[in-house]
Amino acid sequence: MAHTVRPPVPADAAAMARVHVDTWSETYRGIMPDELLDDPDLIDRRQRMWTQILAEAAPTKFTCAVAESDGRLVGIAMSGPPENDDGNSNDDNGIEHSQSRPARSEERHLYVLYAYRAMHGTNVGQDLLDAVIDPSVTTALWVADPNPRAQAFYSKNGFNADGTIKTDEYDGVREVRMVRQAGA
């Protein structure tokens, strides 16, 4: 299935929110609580999040990309500054997450990489990753556990689990931290 990857524009916020919510449902049903995935306010919260991020339009803060196929968005990605060294991060919904861990040395953090299941195997995930992550900088991410497909994808792209595990306070998902060293 042919696709293109491009930087999003503010008018994409609603479609990005739809991809975000739909792919969470496809990927995390049975891992995240149903009441979170089925929350009728989730789409509005994600649209506000994407609207705010796109309105900031600060490429040094967040780098975003969307994948389009047949005139509709089919994937989204976002990287940004690393999580705070004090272990707190903001999930862009105003909810802080806390976990104890040593200070990190990454320069960027991959916060979002989602594509519809129908797009798996089309290289859309790879193209989105390449659009938001510079291979010359050390990058970290959190990946749901279990999520063997995503973990294998990130491993193929040079990310390695660093032994840090957390349970996200927002959604209750167990996550594994993976890091790709600069130039890997």
N, C-alpha and C. Protein backbone atom coordinates (compact mmCIF):
# COMPACT_ATOMS: atom_id res chain seq x y z
N MET A 1 0.85 -1.17 0.00
CA MET A 1 0.00 0.00 0.00
C MET A 1 0.89 1.24 0.00
N ALA A 2 0.76 2.08 -0.99
CA ALA A 2 1.60 3.27 -1.11
C ALA A 2 1.25 4.28 -0.03
N HIS A 3 2.29 4.94 0.46
CA HIS A 3 2.08 5.97 1.47
C HIS A 3 3.15 7.05 1.30
N THR A 4 2.85 8.20 1.88
CA THR A 4 3.83 9.28 1.95
C THR A 4 3.93 9.72 3.40
N VAL A 5 5.11 10.20 3.76
CA VAL A 5 5.33 10.72 5.11
C VAL A 5 5.68 12.19 4.96
N ARG A 6 5.06 13.00 5.82
CA ARG A 6 5.27 14.44 5.75
C ARG A 6 5.12 15.03 7.14
N PRO A 7 5.60 16.26 7.32
CA PRO A 7 5.34 16.96 8.58
C PRO A 7 3.85 17.30 8.65
N PRO A 8 3.25 17.20 9.82
CA PRO A 8 1.84 17.57 9.94
C PRO A 8 1.65 19.08 9.96
N VAL A 9 0.44 19.48 9.65
CA VAL A 9 0.02 20.87 9.76
C VAL A 9 -1.09 20.93 10.81
N PRO A 10 -1.36 22.10 11.38
CA PRO A 10 -2.39 22.20 12.42
C PRO A 10 -3.73 21.57 12.03
N ALA A 11 -4.09 21.64 10.76
CA ALA A 11 -5.37 21.06 10.32
C ALA A 11 -5.39 19.53 10.44
N ASP A 12 -4.24 18.90 10.67
CA ASP A 12 -4.16 17.44 10.82
C ASP A 12 -4.50 16.97 12.23
N ALA A 13 -4.64 17.87 13.19
CA ALA A 13 -4.78 17.47 14.59
C ALA A 13 -5.93 16.48 14.82
N ALA A 14 -7.08 16.71 14.22
CA ALA A 14 -8.23 15.81 14.44
C ALA A 14 -7.94 14.43 13.87
N ALA A 15 -7.37 14.37 12.68
CA ALA A 15 -7.06 13.07 12.07
C ALA A 15 -5.94 12.36 12.85
N MET A 16 -4.98 13.11 13.37
CA MET A 16 -3.92 12.52 14.19
C MET A 16 -4.51 11.93 15.47
N ALA A 17 -5.46 12.64 16.06
CA ALA A 17 -6.13 12.14 17.26
C ALA A 17 -6.87 10.84 16.95
N ARG A 18 -7.53 10.79 15.80
CA ARG A 18 -8.26 9.58 15.40
C ARG A 18 -7.30 8.40 15.24
N VAL A 19 -6.17 8.62 14.57
CA VAL A 19 -5.18 7.55 14.41
C VAL A 19 -4.67 7.12 15.79
N HIS A 20 -4.38 8.08 16.64
CA HIS A 20 -3.86 7.78 17.98
C HIS A 20 -4.83 6.89 18.75
N VAL A 21 -6.08 7.28 18.80
CA VAL A 21 -7.09 6.53 19.56
C VAL A 21 -7.37 5.17 18.91
N ASP A 22 -7.53 5.14 17.59
CA ASP A 22 -7.81 3.86 16.91
C ASP A 22 -6.67 2.86 17.07
N THR A 23 -5.43 3.34 16.92
CA THR A 23 -4.30 2.41 17.00
C THR A 23 -4.07 1.96 18.44
N TRP A 24 -4.36 2.81 19.41
CA TRP A 24 -4.32 2.34 20.80
C TRP A 24 -5.30 1.20 20.98
N SER A 25 -6.50 1.35 20.45
CA SER A 25 -7.51 0.31 20.59
C SER A 25 -7.06 -0.99 19.90
N GLU A 26 -6.50 -0.86 18.70
CA GLU A 26 -6.01 -2.04 17.98
C GLU A 26 -4.87 -2.73 18.71
N THR A 27 -3.97 -1.93 19.26
CA THR A 27 -2.73 -2.47 19.83
C THR A 27 -2.87 -2.87 21.29
N TYR A 28 -3.58 -2.07 22.07
CA TYR A 28 -3.55 -2.24 23.52
C TYR A 28 -4.79 -2.85 24.14
N ARG A 29 -5.77 -3.23 23.33
CA ARG A 29 -6.95 -3.89 23.90
C ARG A 29 -6.48 -5.16 24.61
N GLY A 30 -6.83 -5.29 25.88
CA GLY A 30 -6.38 -6.42 26.68
C GLY A 30 -5.12 -6.11 27.47
N ILE A 31 -4.44 -4.99 27.14
CA ILE A 31 -3.26 -4.56 27.89
C ILE A 31 -3.62 -3.32 28.71
N MET A 32 -4.29 -2.36 28.07
CA MET A 32 -4.79 -1.17 28.76
C MET A 32 -6.22 -1.45 29.23
N PRO A 33 -6.65 -0.78 30.27
CA PRO A 33 -8.03 -0.96 30.72
C PRO A 33 -9.04 -0.54 29.65
N ASP A 34 -10.07 -1.35 29.46
CA ASP A 34 -11.12 -1.02 28.48
C ASP A 34 -11.75 0.33 28.76
N GLU A 35 -11.92 0.68 30.05
CA GLU A 35 -12.57 1.96 30.36
C GLU A 35 -11.74 3.14 29.85
N LEU A 36 -10.43 2.99 29.76
CA LEU A 36 -9.60 4.06 29.19
C LEU A 36 -9.75 4.09 27.67
N LEU A 37 -9.65 2.92 27.04
CA LEU A 37 -9.74 2.85 25.59
C LEU A 37 -11.13 3.24 25.07
N ASP A 38 -12.15 2.97 25.86
CA ASP A 38 -13.53 3.26 25.44
C ASP A 38 -14.05 4.60 25.96
N ASP A 39 -13.21 5.34 26.65
CA ASP A 39 -13.62 6.64 27.21
C ASP A 39 -14.01 7.58 26.07
N PRO A 40 -15.24 8.06 26.04
CA PRO A 40 -15.66 8.93 24.95
C PRO A 40 -14.89 10.25 24.90
N ASP A 41 -14.23 10.64 25.99
CA ASP A 41 -13.44 11.88 26.00
C ASP A 41 -12.02 11.68 25.46
N LEU A 42 -11.62 10.44 25.24
CA LEU A 42 -10.24 10.19 24.82
C LEU A 42 -9.91 10.87 23.50
N ILE A 43 -10.79 10.82 22.54
CA ILE A 43 -10.53 11.44 21.24
C ILE A 43 -10.37 12.96 21.40
N ASP A 44 -11.20 13.58 22.24
CA ASP A 44 -11.09 15.02 22.46
C ASP A 44 -9.78 15.38 23.16
N ARG A 45 -9.38 14.57 24.15
CA ARG A 45 -8.11 14.83 24.85
C ARG A 45 -6.94 14.71 23.89
N ARG A 46 -6.96 13.70 23.03
CA ARG A 46 -5.86 13.53 22.07
C ARG A 46 -5.87 14.66 21.03
N GLN A 47 -7.03 15.11 20.63
CA GLN A 47 -7.08 16.22 19.67
C GLN A 47 -6.51 17.49 20.30
N ARG A 48 -6.84 17.74 21.56
CA ARG A 48 -6.27 18.90 22.26
C ARG A 48 -4.75 18.77 22.37
N MET A 49 -4.28 17.55 22.67
CA MET A 49 -2.84 17.32 22.77
C MET A 49 -2.15 17.64 21.45
N TRP A 50 -2.67 17.08 20.34
CA TRP A 50 -2.04 17.30 19.04
C TRP A 50 -2.17 18.76 18.59
N THR A 51 -3.28 19.38 18.88
CA THR A 51 -3.45 20.79 18.53
C THR A 51 -2.40 21.63 19.24
N GLN A 52 -2.21 21.37 20.51
CA GLN A 52 -1.22 22.12 21.29
C GLN A 52 0.19 21.88 20.75
N ILE A 53 0.54 20.65 20.50
CA ILE A 53 1.89 20.33 20.01
C ILE A 53 2.14 20.97 18.65
N LEU A 54 1.17 20.86 17.75
CA LEU A 54 1.35 21.43 16.41
C LEU A 54 1.35 22.95 16.44
N ALA A 55 0.61 23.54 17.36
CA ALA A 55 0.57 25.00 17.46
C ALA A 55 1.91 25.55 17.95
N GLU A 56 2.61 24.77 18.78
CA GLU A 56 3.91 25.21 19.27
C GLU A 56 4.91 25.31 18.12
N ALA A 57 4.80 24.38 17.17
CA ALA A 57 5.64 24.38 15.97
C ALA A 57 7.10 24.68 16.29
N ALA A 58 7.62 24.06 17.34
CA ALA A 58 9.01 24.24 17.73
C ALA A 58 9.78 22.95 17.41
N PRO A 59 10.38 22.88 16.23
CA PRO A 59 11.05 21.64 15.84
C PRO A 59 12.14 21.19 16.80
N THR A 60 12.73 22.13 17.55
CA THR A 60 13.73 21.69 18.51
C THR A 60 13.09 21.03 19.72
N LYS A 61 11.80 21.30 19.93
CA LYS A 61 11.11 20.65 21.04
C LYS A 61 10.50 19.33 20.59
N PHE A 62 9.60 19.38 19.64
CA PHE A 62 8.96 18.16 19.13
C PHE A 62 9.15 18.06 17.63
N THR A 63 9.43 16.87 17.17
CA THR A 63 9.48 16.58 15.75
C THR A 63 8.35 15.60 15.47
N CYS A 64 7.43 15.98 14.60
CA CYS A 64 6.27 15.15 14.31
C CYS A 64 6.25 14.79 12.83
N ALA A 65 5.61 13.66 12.54
CA ALA A 65 5.41 13.23 11.16
C ALA A 65 4.10 12.46 11.08
N VAL A 66 3.49 12.51 9.92
CA VAL A 66 2.29 11.72 9.65
C VAL A 66 2.52 10.93 8.37
N ALA A 67 1.87 9.77 8.31
CA ALA A 67 1.88 8.96 7.10
C ALA A 67 0.48 9.01 6.51
N GLU A 68 0.43 9.18 5.21
CA GLU A 68 -0.83 9.32 4.49
C GLU A 68 -0.89 8.25 3.40
N SER A 69 -2.07 7.67 3.24
CA SER A 69 -2.29 6.70 2.17
C SER A 69 -3.71 6.90 1.66
N ASP A 70 -3.86 6.98 0.37
CA ASP A 70 -5.18 7.18 -0.24
C ASP A 70 -5.94 8.35 0.38
N GLY A 71 -5.21 9.43 0.68
CA GLY A 71 -5.84 10.64 1.16
C GLY A 71 -6.22 10.67 2.62
N ARG A 72 -5.81 9.66 3.40
CA ARG A 72 -6.13 9.68 4.83
C ARG A 72 -4.89 9.34 5.64
N LEU A 73 -4.85 9.86 6.87
CA LEU A 73 -3.71 9.57 7.74
C LEU A 73 -3.80 8.13 8.23
N VAL A 74 -2.65 7.44 8.18
CA VAL A 74 -2.60 6.03 8.58
C VAL A 74 -1.53 5.79 9.64
N GLY A 75 -0.76 6.83 9.99
CA GLY A 75 0.27 6.67 11.01
C GLY A 75 0.73 8.02 11.51
N ILE A 76 1.26 8.02 12.75
CA ILE A 76 1.74 9.24 13.39
C ILE A 76 3.01 8.92 14.17
N ALA A 77 3.87 9.93 14.31
CA ALA A 77 5.08 9.76 15.11
C ALA A 77 5.48 11.09 15.71
N MET A 78 6.14 11.03 16.88
CA MET A 78 6.62 12.25 17.52
C MET A 78 7.80 11.92 18.42
N SER A 79 8.86 12.70 18.27
CA SER A 79 9.98 12.65 19.21
C SER A 79 10.10 14.02 19.86
N GLY A 80 10.81 14.05 20.97
CA GLY A 80 10.97 15.31 21.68
C GLY A 80 12.14 15.25 22.63
N PRO A 81 12.21 16.24 23.49
CA PRO A 81 13.31 16.27 24.46
C PRO A 81 13.22 15.07 25.39
N PRO A 82 14.34 14.68 25.96
CA PRO A 82 14.31 13.53 26.87
C PRO A 82 13.45 13.81 28.09
N GLU A 83 13.02 12.72 28.71
CA GLU A 83 12.28 12.86 29.96
C GLU A 83 13.18 13.53 30.98
N ASN A 84 12.58 14.18 31.96
CA ASN A 84 13.35 14.84 33.01
C ASN A 84 14.20 13.84 33.76
N ASP A 85 15.38 14.27 34.18
CA ASP A 85 16.27 13.38 34.92
C ASP A 85 15.72 12.99 36.27
N ASP A 86 14.72 13.73 36.78
CA ASP A 86 14.16 13.39 38.09
C ASP A 86 13.15 12.26 38.00
N GLY A 87 12.99 11.69 36.79
CA GLY A 87 12.08 10.57 36.64
C GLY A 87 10.66 10.96 36.33
N ASN A 88 10.39 12.24 36.23
CA ASN A 88 9.03 12.69 35.92
C ASN A 88 8.94 13.10 34.47
N SER A 89 7.86 12.73 33.86
CA SER A 89 7.59 13.18 32.51
C SER A 89 6.14 13.57 32.44
N ASN A 90 5.82 14.36 31.47
CA ASN A 90 4.44 14.78 31.30
C ASN A 90 3.93 14.10 30.05
N ASP A 91 2.78 13.45 30.14
CA ASP A 91 2.28 12.70 28.99
C ASP A 91 1.50 13.57 28.02
N ASP A 92 1.67 14.87 28.10
CA ASP A 92 0.98 15.83 27.24
C ASP A 92 -0.51 15.88 27.53
N ASN A 93 -0.91 15.26 28.62
CA ASN A 93 -2.28 15.31 29.07
C ASN A 93 -2.34 15.95 30.45
N GLY A 94 -1.18 16.44 30.91
CA GLY A 94 -1.12 17.06 32.22
C GLY A 94 -0.94 16.06 33.34
N ILE A 95 -0.74 14.80 33.04
CA ILE A 95 -0.59 13.78 34.06
C ILE A 95 0.89 13.44 34.18
N GLU A 96 1.41 13.55 35.38
CA GLU A 96 2.81 13.21 35.57
C GLU A 96 2.95 11.74 35.90
N HIS A 97 4.04 11.16 35.41
CA HIS A 97 4.38 9.78 35.70
C HIS A 97 5.68 9.82 36.48
N SER A 98 5.82 8.96 37.43
CA SER A 98 7.04 8.96 38.22
C SER A 98 7.57 7.55 38.33
N GLN A 99 8.86 7.43 38.20
CA GLN A 99 9.53 6.16 38.41
C GLN A 99 10.95 6.49 38.84
N SER A 100 11.53 5.63 39.65
CA SER A 100 12.90 5.90 40.07
C SER A 100 13.85 5.22 39.11
N ARG A 101 14.86 5.97 38.69
CA ARG A 101 15.86 5.44 37.78
C ARG A 101 17.04 6.40 37.77
N PRO A 102 18.17 5.93 37.34
CA PRO A 102 19.32 6.82 37.28
C PRO A 102 19.15 7.85 36.17
N ALA A 103 19.95 8.91 36.24
CA ALA A 103 19.92 9.95 35.20
C ALA A 103 20.25 9.32 33.85
N ARG A 104 19.65 9.85 32.79
CA ARG A 104 19.81 9.31 31.44
C ARG A 104 20.64 10.23 30.59
N SER A 105 21.21 9.65 29.55
CA SER A 105 22.09 10.44 28.69
C SER A 105 21.52 10.64 27.29
N GLU A 106 20.26 10.25 27.07
CA GLU A 106 19.72 10.42 25.72
C GLU A 106 19.49 11.88 25.39
N GLU A 107 19.57 12.16 24.09
CA GLU A 107 19.33 13.51 23.60
C GLU A 107 17.90 13.70 23.13
N ARG A 108 17.24 12.61 22.72
CA ARG A 108 15.85 12.66 22.24
C ARG A 108 15.09 11.49 22.84
N HIS A 109 13.77 11.63 22.81
CA HIS A 109 12.89 10.56 23.28
C HIS A 109 11.81 10.35 22.22
N LEU A 110 11.57 9.11 21.85
CA LEU A 110 10.48 8.79 20.93
C LEU A 110 9.23 8.59 21.78
N TYR A 111 8.28 9.51 21.65
CA TYR A 111 7.07 9.47 22.46
C TYR A 111 5.92 8.76 21.76
N VAL A 112 5.86 8.86 20.44
CA VAL A 112 4.72 8.32 19.70
C VAL A 112 5.21 7.70 18.40
N LEU A 113 4.74 6.48 18.14
CA LEU A 113 4.90 5.86 16.82
C LEU A 113 3.77 4.84 16.68
N TYR A 114 2.75 5.23 15.95
CA TYR A 114 1.58 4.37 15.77
C TYR A 114 1.16 4.36 14.31
N ALA A 115 0.80 3.19 13.83
CA ALA A 115 0.24 3.03 12.48
C ALA A 115 -0.86 1.99 12.56
N TYR A 116 -1.86 2.16 11.73
CA TYR A 116 -2.94 1.18 11.69
C TYR A 116 -2.38 -0.21 11.38
N ARG A 117 -2.98 -1.20 11.97
CA ARG A 117 -2.56 -2.60 11.76
C ARG A 117 -2.52 -2.94 10.27
N ALA A 118 -3.45 -2.43 9.50
CA ALA A 118 -3.48 -2.71 8.06
C ALA A 118 -2.22 -2.21 7.36
N MET A 119 -1.49 -1.29 7.99
CA MET A 119 -0.27 -0.74 7.40
C MET A 119 0.98 -1.48 7.84
N HIS A 120 0.85 -2.39 8.80
CA HIS A 120 2.02 -3.15 9.23
C HIS A 120 2.60 -3.90 8.04
N GLY A 121 3.92 -3.91 7.94
CA GLY A 121 4.59 -4.60 6.84
C GLY A 121 4.73 -3.78 5.58
N THR A 122 4.29 -2.52 5.60
CA THR A 122 4.36 -1.66 4.41
C THR A 122 5.52 -0.67 4.49
N ASN A 123 6.29 -0.73 5.55
CA ASN A 123 7.41 0.18 5.80
C ASN A 123 6.97 1.53 6.35
N VAL A 124 5.69 1.69 6.63
CA VAL A 124 5.22 2.97 7.15
C VAL A 124 5.84 3.27 8.51
N GLY A 125 5.95 2.26 9.39
CA GLY A 125 6.57 2.48 10.70
C GLY A 125 8.02 2.91 10.57
N GLN A 126 8.74 2.27 9.68
CA GLN A 126 10.15 2.62 9.45
C GLN A 126 10.28 4.05 8.93
N ASP A 127 9.42 4.39 7.98
CA ASP A 127 9.48 5.74 7.41
C ASP A 127 9.13 6.80 8.45
N LEU A 128 8.17 6.52 9.31
CA LEU A 128 7.83 7.46 10.38
C LEU A 128 8.98 7.59 11.37
N LEU A 129 9.55 6.47 11.78
CA LEU A 129 10.69 6.50 12.70
C LEU A 129 11.82 7.34 12.12
N ASP A 130 12.16 7.07 10.86
CA ASP A 130 13.25 7.80 10.21
C ASP A 130 12.95 9.29 10.10
N ALA A 131 11.68 9.65 10.02
CA ALA A 131 11.31 11.06 9.88
C ALA A 131 11.45 11.85 11.18
N VAL A 132 11.36 11.17 12.32
CA VAL A 132 11.36 11.91 13.59
C VAL A 132 12.60 11.67 14.46
N ILE A 133 13.45 10.73 14.07
CA ILE A 133 14.63 10.41 14.87
C ILE A 133 15.88 10.56 14.02
N ASP A 134 16.81 11.34 14.52
CA ASP A 134 18.11 11.52 13.89
C ASP A 134 19.03 10.41 14.40
N PRO A 135 19.56 9.56 13.51
CA PRO A 135 20.41 8.46 13.97
C PRO A 135 21.71 8.91 14.62
N SER A 136 22.05 10.18 14.51
CA SER A 136 23.30 10.65 15.10
C SER A 136 23.13 11.09 16.56
N VAL A 137 21.92 10.93 17.12
CA VAL A 137 21.71 11.27 18.52
C VAL A 137 21.18 10.06 19.28
N THR A 138 21.58 9.95 20.53
CA THR A 138 21.10 8.87 21.39
C THR A 138 19.63 9.11 21.70
N THR A 139 18.82 8.08 21.49
CA THR A 139 17.36 8.19 21.63
C THR A 139 16.84 7.07 22.51
N ALA A 140 15.87 7.40 23.35
CA ALA A 140 15.23 6.42 24.22
C ALA A 140 13.74 6.38 23.93
N LEU A 141 13.09 5.32 24.39
CA LEU A 141 11.64 5.17 24.27
C LEU A 141 11.17 4.19 25.32
N TRP A 142 9.88 4.21 25.56
CA TRP A 142 9.21 3.20 26.39
C TRP A 142 8.32 2.39 25.46
N VAL A 143 8.37 1.06 25.58
CA VAL A 143 7.52 0.20 24.76
C VAL A 143 6.72 -0.71 25.69
N ALA A 144 5.45 -0.90 25.36
CA ALA A 144 4.59 -1.75 26.17
C ALA A 144 5.16 -3.16 26.23
N ASP A 145 4.96 -3.79 27.36
CA ASP A 145 5.40 -5.17 27.55
C ASP A 145 4.25 -5.94 28.18
N PRO A 146 3.64 -6.86 27.43
CA PRO A 146 4.13 -7.43 26.18
C PRO A 146 3.68 -6.64 24.95
N ASN A 147 4.55 -6.54 24.01
CA ASN A 147 4.28 -6.01 22.67
C ASN A 147 5.43 -6.49 21.79
N PRO A 148 5.47 -7.80 21.53
CA PRO A 148 6.63 -8.38 20.84
C PRO A 148 6.88 -7.80 19.45
N ARG A 149 5.83 -7.45 18.72
CA ARG A 149 6.03 -6.89 17.38
C ARG A 149 6.78 -5.56 17.47
N ALA A 150 6.34 -4.67 18.35
CA ALA A 150 6.99 -3.37 18.50
C ALA A 150 8.41 -3.55 19.04
N GLN A 151 8.59 -4.42 20.02
CA GLN A 151 9.92 -4.63 20.58
C GLN A 151 10.88 -5.15 19.52
N ALA A 152 10.42 -6.04 18.65
CA ALA A 152 11.27 -6.56 17.56
C ALA A 152 11.59 -5.45 16.56
N PHE A 153 10.60 -4.60 16.25
CA PHE A 153 10.82 -3.49 15.34
C PHE A 153 11.91 -2.56 15.88
N TYR A 154 11.80 -2.20 17.14
CA TYR A 154 12.79 -1.30 17.72
C TYR A 154 14.16 -1.97 17.81
N SER A 155 14.20 -3.24 18.15
CA SER A 155 15.48 -3.96 18.19
C SER A 155 16.14 -3.96 16.82
N LYS A 156 15.35 -4.20 15.77
CA LYS A 156 15.86 -4.17 14.40
C LYS A 156 16.46 -2.81 14.07
N ASN A 157 15.96 -1.78 14.73
CA ASN A 157 16.43 -0.41 14.49
C ASN A 157 17.50 0.03 15.49
N GLY A 158 18.13 -0.92 16.16
CA GLY A 158 19.26 -0.62 17.02
C GLY A 158 18.93 -0.25 18.45
N PHE A 159 17.66 -0.32 18.85
CA PHE A 159 17.29 -0.04 20.23
C PHE A 159 17.49 -1.30 21.06
N ASN A 160 18.00 -1.12 22.28
CA ASN A 160 18.20 -2.24 23.19
C ASN A 160 17.57 -1.91 24.52
N ALA A 161 16.94 -2.92 25.14
CA ALA A 161 16.39 -2.73 26.48
C ALA A 161 17.54 -2.43 27.42
N ASP A 162 17.34 -1.41 28.28
CA ASP A 162 18.42 -1.05 29.20
C ASP A 162 18.18 -1.59 30.61
N GLY A 163 17.16 -2.45 30.76
CA GLY A 163 16.88 -3.06 32.06
C GLY A 163 15.90 -2.28 32.91
N THR A 164 15.47 -1.10 32.45
CA THR A 164 14.53 -0.29 33.22
C THR A 164 13.11 -0.67 32.83
N ILE A 165 12.30 -0.95 33.83
CA ILE A 165 10.90 -1.33 33.63
C ILE A 165 10.06 -0.45 34.54
N LYS A 166 8.90 -0.03 34.04
CA LYS A 166 7.98 0.76 34.86
C LYS A 166 6.55 0.33 34.53
N THR A 167 5.66 0.69 35.41
CA THR A 167 4.23 0.58 35.14
C THR A 167 3.71 2.00 35.06
N ASP A 168 3.17 2.35 33.90
CA ASP A 168 2.69 3.69 33.66
C ASP A 168 1.49 3.97 34.54
N GLU A 169 1.53 5.06 35.28
CA GLU A 169 0.44 5.41 36.19
C GLU A 169 -0.83 5.81 35.46
N TYR A 170 -0.69 6.34 34.24
CA TYR A 170 -1.85 6.79 33.48
C TYR A 170 -2.70 5.63 32.98
N ASP A 171 -2.04 4.63 32.42
CA ASP A 171 -2.80 3.55 31.79
C ASP A 171 -2.55 2.17 32.38
N GLY A 172 -1.66 2.06 33.36
CA GLY A 172 -1.40 0.79 34.01
C GLY A 172 -0.58 -0.20 33.19
N VAL A 173 -0.01 0.25 32.09
CA VAL A 173 0.74 -0.64 31.21
C VAL A 173 2.17 -0.79 31.70
N ARG A 174 2.64 -2.03 31.73
CA ARG A 174 4.04 -2.31 32.04
C ARG A 174 4.84 -1.95 30.79
N GLU A 175 5.93 -1.21 30.98
CA GLU A 175 6.74 -0.74 29.86
C GLU A 175 8.21 -1.03 30.10
N VAL A 176 8.90 -1.28 29.00
CA VAL A 176 10.34 -1.53 29.01
C VAL A 176 11.01 -0.35 28.31
N ARG A 177 12.07 0.14 28.89
CA ARG A 177 12.81 1.25 28.28
C ARG A 177 13.84 0.68 27.32
N MET A 178 13.87 1.26 26.12
CA MET A 178 14.85 0.85 25.11
C MET A 178 15.62 2.11 24.68
N VAL A 179 16.90 1.93 24.38
CA VAL A 179 17.76 3.04 24.01
C VAL A 179 18.55 2.67 22.76
N ARG A 180 18.69 3.63 21.86
CA ARG A 180 19.56 3.49 20.70
C ARG A 180 20.67 4.52 20.84
N GLN A 181 21.90 4.04 20.89
CA GLN A 181 23.04 4.93 20.99
C GLN A 181 23.24 5.68 19.68
N ALA A 182 23.79 6.86 19.76
CA ALA A 182 24.08 7.66 18.56
C ALA A 182 24.91 6.84 17.59
N GLY A 183 24.52 6.88 16.32
CA GLY A 183 25.25 6.20 15.27
C GLY A 183 25.00 4.71 15.17
N ALA A 184 24.12 4.18 16.02
CA ALA A 184 23.83 2.72 15.97
C ALA A 184 23.00 2.35 14.76
